[in-house]
N, C-alpha and C. Protein backbone atom coordinates (compact mmCIF):
# COMPACT_ATOMS: atom_id res chain seq x y z
N MET A 1 -33.05 -43.88 22.98
CA MET A 1 -32.98 -44.62 21.64
C MET A 1 -32.45 -43.50 21.50
N SER A 2 -31.35 -43.96 20.03
CA SER A 2 -30.46 -43.10 18.95
C SER A 2 -31.18 -41.91 18.62
N SER A 3 -30.21 -41.13 18.24
CA SER A 3 -31.40 -39.72 17.52
C SER A 3 -31.85 -40.47 16.08
N ASP A 4 -31.45 -41.90 15.63
CA ASP A 4 -32.38 -42.37 14.16
C ASP A 4 -33.44 -42.79 14.81
N GLY A 5 -33.32 -43.04 16.11
CA GLY A 5 -34.95 -44.40 16.50
C GLY A 5 -34.16 -45.89 16.86
N SER A 6 -32.79 -45.90 16.08
CA SER A 6 -32.57 -47.53 16.41
C SER A 6 -32.48 -47.62 17.93
N SER A 7 -32.21 -48.64 18.06
CA SER A 7 -31.71 -48.75 20.05
C SER A 7 -32.50 -48.56 21.12
N GLN A 8 -33.60 -48.79 21.00
CA GLN A 8 -35.11 -48.45 21.85
C GLN A 8 -34.73 -49.50 22.96
N LEU A 9 -35.00 -48.53 24.31
CA LEU A 9 -34.71 -49.22 25.30
C LEU A 9 -36.02 -48.93 26.13
N LYS A 10 -36.71 -49.96 26.82
CA LYS A 10 -37.76 -50.10 27.79
C LYS A 10 -37.43 -49.74 29.04
N LEU A 11 -37.49 -48.48 29.62
CA LEU A 11 -36.60 -47.81 30.83
C LEU A 11 -38.14 -48.21 32.61
N THR A 12 -39.15 -48.21 32.06
CA THR A 12 -40.03 -48.60 33.20
C THR A 12 -40.68 -50.16 33.25
N TYR A 13 -41.08 -50.44 33.96
CA TYR A 13 -42.06 -51.81 34.11
C TYR A 13 -43.00 -51.73 34.64
N SER A 14 -43.15 -50.63 35.14
CA SER A 14 -44.89 -50.26 36.43
C SER A 14 -46.08 -50.78 35.67
N PRO A 15 -47.36 -51.25 35.79
CA PRO A 15 -48.51 -51.47 35.15
C PRO A 15 -48.91 -49.97 35.31
N ALA A 16 -48.78 -49.71 36.28
CA ALA A 16 -49.26 -47.80 36.15
C ALA A 16 -48.79 -47.04 35.02
N SER A 17 -49.21 -45.66 34.88
CA SER A 17 -48.59 -45.23 33.97
C SER A 17 -47.28 -44.23 34.17
N ASP A 18 -46.69 -44.14 33.28
CA ASP A 18 -45.20 -43.68 33.73
C ASP A 18 -45.07 -42.24 32.54
N TRP A 19 -45.12 -41.33 33.36
CA TRP A 19 -45.10 -40.33 31.94
C TRP A 19 -44.62 -38.82 31.96
N ALA A 20 -44.35 -37.88 30.87
CA ALA A 20 -43.80 -36.57 31.36
C ALA A 20 -42.06 -37.33 31.86
N PRO A 21 -41.66 -37.70 31.08
CA PRO A 21 -39.82 -37.91 31.00
C PRO A 21 -39.24 -36.15 30.86
N ALA A 22 -38.13 -36.02 31.20
CA ALA A 22 -37.25 -34.99 30.97
C ALA A 22 -35.77 -35.39 31.35
N CYS A 23 -35.00 -35.50 30.75
CA CYS A 23 -33.80 -35.85 30.36
C CYS A 23 -32.72 -34.45 31.06
N SER A 24 -31.88 -34.76 32.36
CA SER A 24 -31.49 -33.73 32.42
C SER A 24 -29.85 -33.20 31.79
N PRO A 25 -29.84 -32.18 32.08
CA PRO A 25 -29.06 -31.27 30.59
C PRO A 25 -27.83 -32.09 30.36
N ASP A 26 -27.06 -33.26 31.46
CA ASP A 26 -25.68 -33.58 31.01
C ASP A 26 -26.14 -35.26 30.44
N GLY A 27 -27.35 -35.37 30.15
CA GLY A 27 -27.72 -36.72 29.31
C GLY A 27 -27.97 -38.31 30.40
N THR A 28 -27.59 -37.77 31.75
CA THR A 28 -27.35 -39.04 32.78
C THR A 28 -28.68 -39.79 33.72
N LYS A 29 -30.13 -38.43 33.78
CA LYS A 29 -30.58 -38.95 34.91
C LYS A 29 -32.05 -38.59 33.96
N ILE A 30 -33.08 -39.18 33.81
CA ILE A 30 -34.43 -38.67 33.80
C ILE A 30 -35.30 -38.72 34.71
N ALA A 31 -36.10 -37.78 35.10
CA ALA A 31 -36.76 -37.28 35.85
C ALA A 31 -38.51 -37.54 35.03
N PHE A 32 -39.37 -38.29 35.82
CA PHE A 32 -40.41 -38.34 35.28
C PHE A 32 -41.57 -38.86 36.07
N VAL A 33 -42.76 -38.81 36.05
CA VAL A 33 -43.81 -38.58 36.69
C VAL A 33 -44.74 -40.03 36.51
N SER A 34 -45.10 -40.97 37.64
CA SER A 34 -45.73 -41.84 37.80
C SER A 34 -46.72 -41.86 38.63
N GLU A 35 -47.89 -42.73 38.08
CA GLU A 35 -49.13 -43.29 39.14
C GLU A 35 -49.31 -44.18 39.21
N ARG A 36 -47.56 -45.23 39.66
CA ARG A 36 -47.84 -46.42 40.31
C ARG A 36 -48.22 -46.31 42.00
N ASP A 37 -48.23 -45.30 42.18
CA ASP A 37 -48.47 -44.91 44.28
C ASP A 37 -50.43 -44.17 44.05
N SER A 38 -50.82 -44.51 42.91
CA SER A 38 -52.76 -43.84 43.15
C SER A 38 -52.80 -42.47 42.89
N ASN A 39 -51.27 -41.96 43.15
CA ASN A 39 -51.22 -40.31 42.64
C ASN A 39 -50.16 -39.80 41.75
N ASN A 40 -50.03 -38.80 41.20
CA ASN A 40 -48.98 -38.49 40.10
C ASN A 40 -48.06 -37.75 41.04
N GLU A 41 -46.95 -38.89 40.96
CA GLU A 41 -45.75 -38.40 41.59
C GLU A 41 -44.46 -38.33 41.29
N LYS A 42 -43.30 -37.92 41.54
CA LYS A 42 -42.41 -37.67 40.76
C LYS A 42 -41.18 -38.59 41.42
N TYR A 43 -40.43 -39.05 40.05
CA TYR A 43 -39.21 -40.30 39.91
C TYR A 43 -37.98 -39.66 39.61
N SER A 44 -36.65 -40.37 39.65
CA SER A 44 -35.69 -39.85 38.60
C SER A 44 -35.21 -41.29 38.72
N MET A 45 -34.44 -41.27 37.37
CA MET A 45 -32.90 -42.99 37.51
C MET A 45 -32.21 -42.36 36.47
N ASN A 46 -31.29 -43.14 36.45
CA ASN A 46 -30.36 -42.93 35.47
C ASN A 46 -31.03 -43.05 34.29
N VAL A 47 -30.21 -42.94 32.88
CA VAL A 47 -30.95 -42.88 31.61
C VAL A 47 -30.74 -44.19 31.38
N ASP A 48 -29.82 -45.28 31.92
CA ASP A 48 -30.05 -46.78 31.39
C ASP A 48 -31.80 -47.94 32.29
N GLY A 49 -31.88 -46.95 32.71
CA GLY A 49 -33.33 -47.41 33.80
C GLY A 49 -32.93 -47.64 34.98
N SER A 50 -31.45 -47.73 35.58
CA SER A 50 -31.20 -48.53 36.56
C SER A 50 -31.22 -46.70 37.93
N GLY A 51 -30.83 -47.53 38.87
CA GLY A 51 -30.98 -46.51 39.92
C GLY A 51 -32.19 -45.64 40.28
N GLU A 52 -33.44 -46.29 40.01
CA GLU A 52 -34.84 -45.40 39.72
C GLU A 52 -35.12 -45.24 41.83
N LEU A 53 -35.20 -43.99 41.51
CA LEU A 53 -35.69 -42.82 43.18
C LEU A 53 -37.01 -42.47 43.25
N ARG A 54 -37.92 -42.70 43.69
CA ARG A 54 -38.93 -41.92 44.31
C ARG A 54 -38.89 -40.93 45.21
N LEU A 55 -38.54 -39.69 44.34
CA LEU A 55 -38.51 -38.58 45.17
C LEU A 55 -39.28 -38.34 45.99
N PRO A 56 -39.52 -37.24 47.14
CA PRO A 56 -40.27 -37.35 48.38
C PRO A 56 -41.37 -36.76 47.85
N GLN A 57 -42.67 -37.22 48.29
CA GLN A 57 -44.13 -36.94 47.97
C GLN A 57 -44.73 -35.85 48.74
N SER A 58 -45.40 -35.25 48.27
CA SER A 58 -46.81 -34.61 48.59
C SER A 58 -47.98 -34.96 49.21
N GLY A 59 -48.10 -36.11 48.20
CA GLY A 59 -49.34 -36.50 48.86
C GLY A 59 -50.70 -36.31 47.99
N SER A 60 -50.18 -35.19 47.48
CA SER A 60 -51.32 -34.91 46.19
C SER A 60 -50.75 -34.99 45.34
N ALA A 61 -50.99 -34.54 43.94
CA ALA A 61 -50.15 -34.77 42.63
C ALA A 61 -49.05 -33.82 42.35
N ASP A 62 -48.13 -34.46 42.03
CA ASP A 62 -46.29 -33.53 41.49
C ASP A 62 -46.51 -33.83 40.06
N THR A 63 -46.40 -33.02 38.97
CA THR A 63 -46.11 -33.14 37.88
C THR A 63 -45.06 -32.22 36.79
N PHE A 64 -45.06 -32.97 35.89
CA PHE A 64 -44.34 -31.69 34.55
C PHE A 64 -43.23 -31.32 35.42
N PRO A 65 -41.65 -32.40 35.41
CA PRO A 65 -40.62 -31.88 36.47
C PRO A 65 -40.06 -31.66 34.92
N ALA A 66 -38.80 -30.55 35.28
CA ALA A 66 -38.33 -29.85 34.13
C ALA A 66 -36.39 -29.73 35.04
N TRP A 67 -35.55 -29.64 34.28
CA TRP A 67 -34.03 -29.65 35.19
C TRP A 67 -33.67 -28.15 34.84
N SER A 68 -33.19 -27.74 35.88
CA SER A 68 -32.55 -26.57 35.59
C SER A 68 -30.81 -26.65 34.98
N PRO A 69 -30.73 -26.02 34.31
CA PRO A 69 -29.58 -26.35 32.96
C PRO A 69 -28.28 -26.46 33.14
N GLY A 70 -27.64 -26.48 35.11
CA GLY A 70 -26.73 -27.63 35.84
C GLY A 70 -27.34 -28.16 35.50
N GLY A 71 -28.61 -28.84 35.85
CA GLY A 71 -28.65 -30.31 36.37
C GLY A 71 -29.01 -30.50 37.61
N SER A 72 -28.89 -29.19 38.85
CA SER A 72 -28.94 -29.43 40.10
C SER A 72 -30.22 -29.22 40.67
N ARG A 73 -31.30 -28.80 40.39
CA ARG A 73 -32.30 -28.59 40.58
C ARG A 73 -33.15 -29.02 39.68
N ILE A 74 -34.89 -29.41 40.15
CA ILE A 74 -35.64 -29.66 39.60
C ILE A 74 -37.11 -29.08 39.62
N THR A 75 -37.53 -28.26 38.56
CA THR A 75 -38.49 -27.50 39.13
C THR A 75 -39.93 -28.75 38.53
N PHE A 76 -40.73 -28.32 39.24
CA PHE A 76 -42.53 -29.23 38.93
C PHE A 76 -44.04 -28.17 39.50
N VAL A 77 -44.81 -28.87 39.25
CA VAL A 77 -45.89 -28.13 39.76
C VAL A 77 -46.77 -29.37 40.70
N SER A 78 -47.33 -28.87 41.48
CA SER A 78 -47.56 -29.54 42.50
C SER A 78 -49.22 -29.02 43.10
N GLN A 79 -50.13 -29.79 43.63
CA GLN A 79 -51.50 -28.86 44.08
C GLN A 79 -51.55 -29.16 45.34
N ARG A 80 -50.48 -29.44 45.99
CA ARG A 80 -50.55 -29.65 47.46
C ARG A 80 -51.13 -28.04 48.56
N ASP A 81 -50.85 -27.18 47.41
CA ASP A 81 -51.57 -26.19 48.38
C ASP A 81 -53.09 -25.66 47.87
N GLY A 82 -53.68 -26.80 46.92
CA GLY A 82 -55.06 -26.73 46.89
C GLY A 82 -55.24 -25.85 45.11
N ASN A 83 -54.14 -25.50 44.84
CA ASN A 83 -54.00 -25.25 42.83
C ASN A 83 -53.03 -25.14 42.61
N ARG A 84 -52.67 -25.75 41.13
CA ARG A 84 -51.39 -25.77 40.97
C ARG A 84 -50.42 -24.53 40.86
N GLU A 85 -49.33 -24.75 41.83
CA GLU A 85 -48.62 -23.85 42.07
C GLU A 85 -47.11 -24.88 41.50
N VAL A 86 -46.11 -23.45 41.23
CA VAL A 86 -44.58 -23.90 40.65
C VAL A 86 -43.63 -24.19 42.28
N TYR A 87 -42.55 -25.57 41.44
CA TYR A 87 -41.91 -25.65 43.32
C TYR A 87 -40.71 -26.08 42.74
N VAL A 88 -39.51 -25.95 43.31
CA VAL A 88 -38.33 -26.31 43.18
C VAL A 88 -37.71 -26.93 43.58
N MET A 89 -36.78 -27.82 43.58
CA MET A 89 -36.34 -29.19 44.30
C MET A 89 -34.83 -28.96 44.38
N VAL A 90 -33.96 -29.46 45.09
CA VAL A 90 -32.79 -30.06 44.77
C VAL A 90 -33.19 -31.55 43.97
N SER A 91 -31.90 -32.45 42.98
CA SER A 91 -32.16 -33.19 42.11
C SER A 91 -32.17 -34.43 42.76
N ASP A 92 -32.01 -34.34 44.06
CA ASP A 92 -32.29 -35.62 45.05
C ASP A 92 -33.25 -35.56 45.75
N GLY A 93 -34.68 -34.66 45.56
CA GLY A 93 -35.38 -34.76 46.05
C GLY A 93 -35.72 -33.68 47.27
N SER A 94 -34.22 -33.30 47.77
CA SER A 94 -34.47 -32.23 49.14
C SER A 94 -34.81 -31.12 48.78
N GLY A 95 -34.96 -30.28 49.87
CA GLY A 95 -35.16 -28.73 49.81
C GLY A 95 -36.11 -28.32 48.66
N GLN A 96 -37.54 -29.12 48.93
CA GLN A 96 -38.59 -28.33 48.03
C GLN A 96 -39.23 -27.32 48.32
N THR A 97 -38.97 -26.22 47.06
CA THR A 97 -39.52 -24.52 47.98
C THR A 97 -40.56 -24.62 46.94
N ASN A 98 -41.48 -24.14 47.46
CA ASN A 98 -42.73 -22.77 46.64
C ASN A 98 -42.23 -21.87 45.83
N LEU A 99 -42.41 -21.50 44.67
CA LEU A 99 -42.26 -20.53 44.03
C LEU A 99 -43.10 -19.17 43.22
N THR A 100 -44.27 -20.33 43.35
CA THR A 100 -45.44 -19.06 42.87
C THR A 100 -46.34 -19.52 44.32
N ASN A 101 -47.36 -18.52 44.67
CA ASN A 101 -48.33 -18.44 45.39
C ASN A 101 -49.55 -17.45 45.06
N ASN A 102 -50.18 -17.90 44.51
CA ASN A 102 -51.63 -17.28 44.21
C ASN A 102 -52.33 -17.74 44.01
N ALA A 103 -53.53 -17.59 43.87
CA ALA A 103 -54.85 -18.32 43.18
C ALA A 103 -55.15 -18.49 42.00
N ALA A 104 -54.03 -18.20 40.69
CA ALA A 104 -54.03 -18.76 39.49
C ALA A 104 -53.41 -19.83 39.44
N GLU A 105 -53.42 -20.45 38.61
CA GLU A 105 -53.07 -21.97 38.60
C GLU A 105 -52.13 -21.82 37.26
N ASP A 106 -51.05 -22.36 38.28
CA ASP A 106 -49.61 -22.02 37.38
C ASP A 106 -49.07 -23.12 37.22
N THR A 107 -48.19 -23.27 35.96
CA THR A 107 -48.20 -24.87 35.05
C THR A 107 -47.12 -24.31 34.42
N GLY A 108 -46.59 -25.71 33.74
CA GLY A 108 -45.34 -25.66 32.98
C GLY A 108 -44.01 -24.94 33.22
N PRO A 109 -43.69 -25.05 34.44
CA PRO A 109 -42.12 -24.48 34.50
C PRO A 109 -40.95 -25.20 33.68
N VAL A 110 -40.29 -24.43 32.97
CA VAL A 110 -39.12 -24.48 31.99
C VAL A 110 -37.91 -23.84 32.08
N SER A 111 -36.83 -24.83 31.99
CA SER A 111 -35.64 -23.46 32.87
C SER A 111 -34.98 -23.47 31.16
N ARG A 112 -34.09 -21.99 31.20
CA ARG A 112 -33.43 -21.93 30.24
C ARG A 112 -32.09 -21.50 30.80
N PRO A 113 -31.11 -21.58 29.58
CA PRO A 113 -29.58 -21.78 29.80
C PRO A 113 -29.47 -19.99 31.21
N ALA A 114 -28.40 -20.27 31.49
CA ALA A 114 -27.87 -19.31 32.56
C ALA A 114 -27.80 -18.03 31.60
N GLY A 115 -28.34 -16.67 32.49
CA GLY A 115 -28.91 -15.66 32.04
C GLY A 115 -30.24 -15.10 31.67
N HIS A 116 -30.42 -16.22 30.86
CA HIS A 116 -32.45 -16.05 30.61
C HIS A 116 -32.86 -16.18 31.57
N ARG A 117 -34.21 -15.62 31.30
CA ARG A 117 -35.18 -16.16 32.24
C ARG A 117 -35.77 -17.11 32.50
N SER A 118 -36.48 -17.41 33.23
CA SER A 118 -37.32 -18.59 33.14
C SER A 118 -38.42 -18.74 33.08
N PRO A 119 -39.59 -18.85 32.11
CA PRO A 119 -40.87 -18.13 32.73
C PRO A 119 -41.87 -19.54 32.71
N PHE A 120 -42.91 -19.29 33.46
CA PHE A 120 -44.04 -20.28 33.99
C PHE A 120 -45.38 -19.72 32.97
N HIS A 121 -46.04 -20.43 32.98
CA HIS A 121 -47.04 -19.82 31.78
C HIS A 121 -48.72 -20.50 33.17
N PRO A 122 -49.10 -19.35 33.84
CA PRO A 122 -50.21 -19.58 34.67
C PRO A 122 -51.41 -19.11 33.84
N ILE A 123 -52.09 -20.32 33.85
CA ILE A 123 -53.94 -19.54 33.51
C ILE A 123 -54.36 -18.70 34.03
N GLY A 124 -55.36 -18.01 32.85
CA GLY A 124 -55.91 -17.14 33.01
C GLY A 124 -55.09 -15.49 33.63
N THR A 125 -53.63 -15.39 33.30
CA THR A 125 -53.21 -14.74 33.97
C THR A 125 -52.28 -13.97 33.07
N ALA A 126 -51.29 -12.95 33.48
CA ALA A 126 -50.48 -12.41 32.60
C ALA A 126 -49.13 -13.18 32.73
N GLN A 127 -48.37 -13.35 32.39
CA GLN A 127 -47.11 -14.47 32.25
C GLN A 127 -45.73 -13.95 33.04
N PRO A 128 -46.03 -14.38 34.52
CA PRO A 128 -44.87 -13.45 35.12
C PRO A 128 -43.72 -14.52 35.15
N ARG A 129 -42.39 -13.67 35.39
CA ARG A 129 -41.32 -14.51 35.48
C ARG A 129 -40.30 -14.33 36.61
N TYR A 130 -39.81 -15.35 36.48
CA TYR A 130 -38.55 -15.79 37.52
C TYR A 130 -37.34 -15.78 37.34
N SER A 131 -35.61 -15.97 37.70
CA SER A 131 -34.57 -15.77 37.54
C SER A 131 -33.70 -17.04 37.96
C-alpha cells in the first residue's frame, strides 16, 4: 500500500496463514513465512505478489525472515536442530548456514546498516552479537 494507506493490494491467496513479511532494502522483494505446507516455512516474492518462490525447506519450522542491508542474504530462525537457532542464506535460498549453535533459544535476527553489528536476542541469556 502507499504510505498514506491507500492502494492496498492483496499479495497472497493461500487459505493457510501467511505472516512475518519483510521487505527487501531496495523495496523489490518480500520474504515471508507461510503455513501452507503444514509447517512454518520461508517464501519470497516480488512486491506486486508475482514470482512467488518457496525457499528450500528444512522440514522444521523456519520463521522470522530479515534481509541483510544489501538484500543479498536473509537471516531466519529455524528449529531444525531441536531448538531455535539463527541461520543465514543467500536470498535465493541457497547456502543456508547456521550462525548460532547453543542450548539457548536464539530468536529475532535483524540486520543493520554496514559498519554496525547485528544483534539477535537469545531467550534467557546475555545478548551475543555477530557482524
